[in-house]
Amino acid sequence: MAQETILVLLAGLIGVLFAGLVGLLWMMVRAGLDDDHDTHDTHDNRQGSASPEPHDGEKAHEDSSRQSNVVA
């Protein structure tokens, strides 16, 4: 009786680990396929300059009103 319970729990644990492995492999394949298409979002600011280029119809701000100038 106890051995059957242990085997069922072990089989469930192996099933969960296998599902996680398959999911991880699927994500890696999808990421690899996305890299092949060179479709990069132009509004993705994770790389490059911290201050993005102004959009059409907007003026470039030299100093943001949210920034404070500290004089020491």
C-alpha atoms as a PDB file:
ATOM      1  CA  MET A   1       0.000   0.000   0.000  1.00  0.00           C
ATOM      2  CA  ALA A   2       2.722   2.478   0.924  1.00  0.00           C
ATOM      3  CA  GLN A   3       4.840   1.408  -2.040  1.00  0.00           C
ATOM      4  CA  GLU A   4       1.965   2.083  -4.424  1.00  0.00           C
ATOM      5  CA  THR A   5       1.521   5.586  -2.994  1.00  0.00           C
ATOM      6  CA  ILE A   6       5.227   6.312  -3.389  1.00  0.00           C
ATOM      7  CA  LEU A   7       5.182   5.061  -6.975  1.00  0.00           C
ATOM      8  CA  VAL A   8       2.164   7.235  -7.825  1.00  0.00           C
ATOM      9  CA  LEU A   9       3.808  10.324  -6.299  1.00  0.00           C
ATOM     10  CA  LEU A  10       7.069   9.568  -8.091  1.00  0.00           C
ATOM     11  CA  ALA A  11       5.262   9.124 -11.416  1.00  0.00           C
ATOM     12  CA  GLY A  12       3.459  12.437 -10.880  1.00  0.00           C
ATOM     13  CA  LEU A  13       6.740  14.195 -10.078  1.00  0.00           C
ATOM     14  CA  ILE A  14       8.407  12.759 -13.175  1.00  0.00           C
ATOM     15  CA  GLY A  15       5.409  13.850 -15.264  1.00  0.00           C
ATOM     16  CA  VAL A  16       5.611  17.418 -13.972  1.00  0.00           C
ATOM     17  CA  LEU A  17       9.374  17.577 -14.571  1.00  0.00           C
ATOM     18  CA  PHE A  18       8.943  16.206 -18.090  1.00  0.00           C
ATOM     19  CA  ALA A  19       6.213  18.750 -18.875  1.00  0.00           C
ATOM     20  CA  GLY A  20       8.490  21.542 -17.631  1.00  0.00           C
ATOM     21  CA  LEU A  21      11.342  20.295 -19.799  1.00  0.00           C
ATOM     22  CA  VAL A  22       9.111  20.159 -22.871  1.00  0.00           C
ATOM     23  CA  GLY A  23       7.867  23.687 -22.142  1.00  0.00           C
ATOM     24  CA  LEU A  24      11.411  24.985 -21.763  1.00  0.00           C
ATOM     25  CA  LEU A  25      12.479  23.397 -25.045  1.00  0.00           C
ATOM     26  CA  TRP A  26       9.404  24.846 -26.769  1.00  0.00           C
ATOM     27  CA  MET A  27      10.271  28.353 -25.540  1.00  0.00           C
ATOM     28  CA  MET A  28      13.853  27.973 -26.781  1.00  0.00           C
ATOM     29  CA  VAL A  29      12.656  26.858 -30.228  1.00  0.00           C
ATOM     30  CA  ARG A  30      10.192  29.773 -30.420  1.00  0.00           C
ATOM     31  CA  ALA A  31      12.892  32.266 -29.391  1.00  0.00           C
ATOM     32  CA  GLY A  32      15.216  30.852 -32.050  1.00  0.00           C
ATOM     33  CA  LEU A  33      12.550  31.174 -34.730  1.00  0.00           C
ATOM     34  CA  ASP A  34      11.741  34.755 -33.694  1.00  0.00           C
ATOM     35  CA  ASP A  35      15.415  35.742 -34.023  1.00  0.00           C
ATOM     36  CA  ASP A  36      15.531  34.483 -37.612  1.00  0.00           C
ATOM     37  CA  HIS A  37      12.903  36.900 -38.915  1.00  0.00           C
ATOM     38  CA  ASP A  38      14.623  40.212 -38.028  1.00  0.00           C
ATOM     39  CA  THR A  39      11.338  41.838 -37.057  1.00  0.00           C
ATOM     40  CA  HIS A  40      12.458  44.224 -34.363  1.00  0.00           C
ATOM     41  CA  ASP A  41       9.987  46.634 -32.823  1.00  0.00           C
ATOM     42  CA  THR A  42      11.033  50.220 -33.465  1.00  0.00           C
ATOM     43  CA  HIS A  43       9.614  51.304 -30.088  1.00  0.00           C
ATOM     44  CA  ASP A  44      11.675  48.828 -28.085  1.00  0.00           C
ATOM     45  CA  ASN A  45      13.840  50.973 -25.835  1.00  0.00           C
ATOM     46  CA  ARG A  46      15.593  48.164 -23.982  1.00  0.00           C
ATOM     47  CA  GLN A  47      18.726  48.710 -26.044  1.00  0.00           C
ATOM     48  CA  GLY A  48      20.396  51.858 -27.223  1.00  0.00           C
ATOM     49  CA  SER A  49      19.928  55.420 -26.082  1.00  0.00           C
ATOM     50  CA  ALA A  50      18.153  56.250 -22.829  1.00  0.00           C
ATOM     51  CA  SER A  51      16.410  59.190 -24.499  1.00  0.00           C
ATOM     52  CA  PRO A  52      14.446  58.037 -27.554  1.00  0.00           C
ATOM     53  CA  GLU A  53      14.087  60.065 -30.709  1.00  0.00           C
ATOM     54  CA  PRO A  54      10.971  62.298 -30.761  1.00  0.00           C
ATOM     55  CA  HIS A  55       8.006  60.955 -32.694  1.00  0.00           C
ATOM     56  CA  ASP A  56       6.435  62.778 -35.634  1.00  0.00           C
ATOM     57  CA  GLY A  57       4.931  66.078 -34.506  1.00  0.00           C
ATOM     58  CA  GLU A  58       6.731  66.157 -31.145  1.00  0.00           C
ATOM     59  CA  LYS A  59       9.449  68.555 -30.092  1.00  0.00           C
ATOM     60  CA  ALA A  60      12.684  67.280 -28.629  1.00  0.00           C
ATOM     61  CA  HIS A  61      12.941  68.149 -24.936  1.00  0.00           C
ATOM     62  CA  GLU A  62      16.357  69.317 -23.823  1.00  0.00           C
ATOM     63  CA  ASP A  63      15.598  69.044 -20.091  1.00  0.00           C
ATOM     64  CA  SER A  64      12.741  67.078 -18.673  1.00  0.00           C
ATOM     65  CA  SER A  65      10.556  68.813 -16.107  1.00  0.00           C
ATOM     66  CA  ARG A  66      10.796  65.655 -14.008  1.00  0.00           C
ATOM     67  CA  GLN A  67      14.568  65.994 -13.633  1.00  0.00           C
ATOM     68  CA  SER A  68      15.944  68.243 -10.910  1.00  0.00           C
ATOM     69  CA  ASN A  69      19.187  70.161 -11.201  1.00  0.00           C
ATOM     70  CA  VAL A  70      21.190  69.796  -7.996  1.00  0.00           C
ATOM     71  CA  VAL A  71      23.739  72.517  -7.255  1.00  0.00           C
ATOM     72  CA  ALA A  72      26.394  71.516  -4.760  1.00  0.00           C
END
